[in-house]
Amino acid sequence: MNVEELARKYYPMLWDKQRIEALVAAGRLSREAAEAIMEGGKKE
């Protein structure tokens, strides 16, 4: 699994918005992917 897949799986149950933002700041997750995850959108 990559970071985006993990974020989709664990947000918001185990990972909160701050964790997603930290991944974006670290360059591990794109801003677009983070916004889609936090909005609840699924790319399937």
PDB file of N, CA and C in Angstrom:
ATOM      1  N   MET A   1       0.835  -1.187   0.000  1.00  0.00           N
ATOM      2  CA  MET A   1       0.000   0.000   0.000  1.00  0.00           C
ATOM      3  C   MET A   1       0.876   1.244   0.000  1.00  0.00           C
ATOM      4  N   ASN A   2       0.431   2.245  -0.733  1.00  0.00           N
ATOM      5  CA  ASN A   2       1.151   3.515  -0.708  1.00  0.00           C
ATOM      6  C   ASN A   2       0.489   4.456   0.304  1.00  0.00           C
ATOM      7  N   VAL A   3       1.058   5.621   0.478  1.00  0.00           N
ATOM      8  CA  VAL A   3       0.579   6.564   1.491  1.00  0.00           C
ATOM      9  C   VAL A   3      -0.862   6.993   1.214  1.00  0.00           C
ATOM     10  N   GLU A   4      -1.187   7.236  -0.044  1.00  0.00           N
ATOM     11  CA  GLU A   4      -2.551   7.660  -0.362  1.00  0.00           C
ATOM     12  C   GLU A   4      -3.566   6.573  -0.011  1.00  0.00           C
ATOM     13  N   GLU A   5      -3.256   5.326  -0.317  1.00  0.00           N
ATOM     14  CA  GLU A   5      -4.158   4.231   0.023  1.00  0.00           C
ATOM     15  C   GLU A   5      -4.335   4.104   1.538  1.00  0.00           C
ATOM     16  N   LEU A   6      -3.237   4.253   2.273  1.00  0.00           N
ATOM     17  CA  LEU A   6      -3.322   4.199   3.733  1.00  0.00           C
ATOM     18  C   LEU A   6      -4.168   5.345   4.280  1.00  0.00           C
ATOM     19  N   ALA A   7      -3.980   6.529   3.724  1.00  0.00           N
ATOM     20  CA  ALA A   7      -4.756   7.681   4.178  1.00  0.00           C
ATOM     21  C   ALA A   7      -6.241   7.470   3.922  1.00  0.00           C
ATOM     22  N   ARG A   8      -6.573   6.944   2.760  1.00  0.00           N
ATOM     23  CA  ARG A   8      -7.982   6.667   2.455  1.00  0.00           C
ATOM     24  C   ARG A   8      -8.558   5.627   3.405  1.00  0.00           C
ATOM     25  N   LYS A   9      -7.742   4.661   3.783  1.00  0.00           N
ATOM     26  CA  LYS A   9      -8.211   3.599   4.674  1.00  0.00           C
ATOM     27  C   LYS A   9      -8.391   4.092   6.107  1.00  0.00           C
ATOM     28  N   TYR A  10      -7.474   4.903   6.593  1.00  0.00           N
ATOM     29  CA  TYR A  10      -7.450   5.262   8.004  1.00  0.00           C
ATOM     30  C   TYR A  10      -8.069   6.603   8.358  1.00  0.00           C
ATOM     31  N   TYR A  11      -8.337   7.470   7.385  1.00  0.00           N
ATOM     32  CA  TYR A  11      -8.972   8.750   7.686  1.00  0.00           C
ATOM     33  C   TYR A  11     -10.472   8.567   7.647  1.00  0.00           C
ATOM     34  N   PRO A  12     -11.231   9.016   8.602  1.00  0.00           N
ATOM     35  CA  PRO A  12     -10.867   9.723   9.824  1.00  0.00           C
ATOM     36  C   PRO A  12     -10.794   8.819  11.058  1.00  0.00           C
ATOM     37  N   MET A  13     -10.899   7.522  10.888  1.00  0.00           N
ATOM     38  CA  MET A  13     -10.937   6.625  12.058  1.00  0.00           C
ATOM     39  C   MET A  13      -9.665   6.697  12.893  1.00  0.00           C
ATOM     40  N   LEU A  14      -8.511   6.552  12.268  1.00  0.00           N
ATOM     41  CA  LEU A  14      -7.252   6.536  13.006  1.00  0.00           C
ATOM     42  C   LEU A  14      -6.382   7.750  12.727  1.00  0.00           C
ATOM     43  N   TRP A  15      -6.524   8.332  11.557  1.00  0.00           N
ATOM     44  CA  TRP A  15      -5.727   9.500  11.186  1.00  0.00           C
ATOM     45  C   TRP A  15      -6.653  10.702  11.126  1.00  0.00           C
ATOM     46  N   ASP A  16      -6.237  11.806  11.761  1.00  0.00           N
ATOM     47  CA  ASP A  16      -7.031  13.020  11.713  1.00  0.00           C
ATOM     48  C   ASP A  16      -6.507  13.966  10.636  1.00  0.00           C
ATOM     49  N   LYS A  17      -7.141  15.129  10.552  1.00  0.00           N
ATOM     50  CA  LYS A  17      -6.756  16.118   9.533  1.00  0.00           C
ATOM     51  C   LYS A  17      -5.297  16.538   9.697  1.00  0.00           C
ATOM     52  N   GLN A  18      -4.831  16.646  10.930  1.00  0.00           N
ATOM     53  CA  GLN A  18      -3.443  17.049  11.166  1.00  0.00           C
ATOM     54  C   GLN A  18      -2.471  16.031  10.589  1.00  0.00           C
ATOM     55  N   ARG A  19      -2.789  14.761  10.667  1.00  0.00           N
ATOM     56  CA  ARG A  19      -1.922  13.718  10.111  1.00  0.00           C
ATOM     57  C   ARG A  19      -1.863  13.831   8.584  1.00  0.00           C
ATOM     58  N   ILE A  20      -3.008  14.072   7.973  1.00  0.00           N
ATOM     59  CA  ILE A  20      -3.055  14.234   6.513  1.00  0.00           C
ATOM     60  C   ILE A  20      -2.239  15.461   6.107  1.00  0.00           C
ATOM     61  N   GLU A  21      -2.406  16.559   6.841  1.00  0.00           N
ATOM     62  CA  GLU A  21      -1.651  17.781   6.554  1.00  0.00           C
ATOM     63  C   GLU A  21      -0.148  17.557   6.739  1.00  0.00           C
ATOM     64  N   ALA A  22       0.234  16.772   7.725  1.00  0.00           N
ATOM     65  CA  ALA A  22       1.649  16.472   7.952  1.00  0.00           C
ATOM     66  C   ALA A  22       2.226  15.684   6.778  1.00  0.00           C
ATOM     67  N   LEU A  23       1.454  14.774   6.222  1.00  0.00           N
ATOM     68  CA  LEU A  23       1.900  14.003   5.066  1.00  0.00           C
ATOM     69  C   LEU A  23       2.089  14.912   3.848  1.00  0.00           C
ATOM     70  N   VAL A  24       1.202  15.886   3.683  1.00  0.00           N
ATOM     71  CA  VAL A  24       1.341  16.848   2.587  1.00  0.00           C
ATOM     72  C   VAL A  24       2.606  17.678   2.796  1.00  0.00           C
ATOM     73  N   ALA A  25       2.801  18.175   4.022  1.00  0.00           N
ATOM     74  CA  ALA A  25       3.970  19.009   4.325  1.00  0.00           C
ATOM     75  C   ALA A  25       5.277  18.246   4.110  1.00  0.00           C
ATOM     76  N   ALA A  26       5.249  16.945   4.365  1.00  0.00           N
ATOM     77  CA  ALA A  26       6.444  16.117   4.195  1.00  0.00           C
ATOM     78  C   ALA A  26       6.655  15.705   2.740  1.00  0.00           C
ATOM     79  N   GLY A  27       5.687  16.032   1.881  1.00  0.00           N
ATOM     80  CA  GLY A  27       5.814  15.670   0.474  1.00  0.00           C
ATOM     81  C   GLY A  27       5.447  14.232   0.176  1.00  0.00           C
ATOM     82  N   ARG A  28       4.785  13.592   1.105  1.00  0.00           N
ATOM     83  CA  ARG A  28       4.411  12.189   0.917  1.00  0.00           C
ATOM     84  C   ARG A  28       3.025  12.013   0.301  1.00  0.00           C
ATOM     85  N   LEU A  29       2.231  13.109   0.309  1.00  0.00           N
ATOM     86  CA  LEU A  29       0.873  13.066  -0.208  1.00  0.00           C
ATOM     87  C   LEU A  29       0.615  14.383  -0.930  1.00  0.00           C
ATOM     88  N   SER A  30      -0.011  14.316  -2.088  1.00  0.00           N
ATOM     89  CA  SER A  30      -0.276  15.552  -2.838  1.00  0.00           C
ATOM     90  C   SER A  30      -1.426  16.317  -2.189  1.00  0.00           C
ATOM     91  N   ARG A  31      -1.424  17.619  -2.405  1.00  0.00           N
ATOM     92  CA  ARG A  31      -2.497  18.472  -1.878  1.00  0.00           C
ATOM     93  C   ARG A  31      -3.841  18.032  -2.437  1.00  0.00           C
ATOM     94  N   GLU A  32      -3.883  17.696  -3.729  1.00  0.00           N
ATOM     95  CA  GLU A  32      -5.126  17.282  -4.369  1.00  0.00           C
ATOM     96  C   GLU A  32      -5.669  15.994  -3.747  1.00  0.00           C
ATOM     97  N   ALA A  33      -4.780  15.040  -3.504  1.00  0.00           N
ATOM     98  CA  ALA A  33      -5.200  13.777  -2.897  1.00  0.00           C
ATOM     99  C   ALA A  33      -5.693  14.014  -1.471  1.00  0.00           C
ATOM    100  N   ALA A  34      -5.000  14.873  -0.734  1.00  0.00           N
ATOM    101  CA  ALA A  34      -5.405  15.171   0.643  1.00  0.00           C
ATOM    102  C   ALA A  34      -6.791  15.799   0.679  1.00  0.00           C
ATOM    103  N   GLU A  35      -7.040  16.744  -0.210  1.00  0.00           N
ATOM    104  CA  GLU A  35      -8.352  17.386  -0.251  1.00  0.00           C
ATOM    105  C   GLU A  35      -9.441  16.389  -0.599  1.00  0.00           C
ATOM    106  N   ALA A  36      -9.173  15.502  -1.546  1.00  0.00           N
ATOM    107  CA  ALA A  36     -10.159  14.491  -1.920  1.00  0.00           C
ATOM    108  C   ALA A  36     -10.443  13.545  -0.754  1.00  0.00           C
ATOM    109  N   ILE A  37      -9.413  13.167  -0.037  1.00  0.00           N
ATOM    110  CA  ILE A  37      -9.573  12.264   1.104  1.00  0.00           C
ATOM    111  C   ILE A  37     -10.395  12.941   2.196  1.00  0.00           C
ATOM    112  N   MET A  38     -10.059  14.182   2.509  1.00  0.00           N
ATOM    113  CA  MET A  38     -10.755  14.891   3.584  1.00  0.00           C
ATOM    114  C   MET A  38     -12.191  15.249   3.219  1.00  0.00           C
ATOM    115  N   GLU A  39     -12.478  15.353   1.932  1.00  0.00           N
ATOM    116  CA  GLU A  39     -13.849  15.605   1.482  1.00  0.00           C
ATOM    117  C   GLU A  39     -14.650  14.310   1.399  1.00  0.00           C
ATOM    118  N   GLY A  40     -13.972  13.191   1.545  1.00  0.00           N
ATOM    119  CA  GLY A  40     -14.655  11.909   1.486  1.00  0.00           C
ATOM    120  C   GLY A  40     -14.783  11.346   0.092  1.00  0.00           C
ATOM    121  N   GLY A  41     -14.140  11.975  -0.875  1.00  0.00           N
ATOM    122  CA  GLY A  41     -14.209  11.499  -2.246  1.00  0.00           C
ATOM    123  C   GLY A  41     -13.354  10.268  -2.446  1.00  0.00           C
ATOM    124  N   LYS A  42     -13.842   9.361  -3.275  1.00  0.00           N
ATOM    125  CA  LYS A  42     -13.087   8.144  -3.576  1.00  0.00           C
ATOM    126  C   LYS A  42     -12.748   8.124  -5.045  1.00  0.00           C
ATOM    127  N   LYS A  43     -11.506   7.748  -5.344  1.00  0.00           N
ATOM    128  CA  LYS A  43     -11.078   7.574  -6.738  1.00  0.00           C
ATOM    129  C   LYS A  43     -11.040   6.087  -7.024  1.00  0.00           C
ATOM    130  N   GLU A  44     -12.131   5.549  -7.493  1.00  0.00           N
ATOM    131  CA  GLU A  44     -12.144   4.110  -7.796  1.00  0.00           C
ATOM    132  C   GLU A  44     -12.607   3.868  -9.195  1.00  0.00           C
TER     133      GLU A  44
END
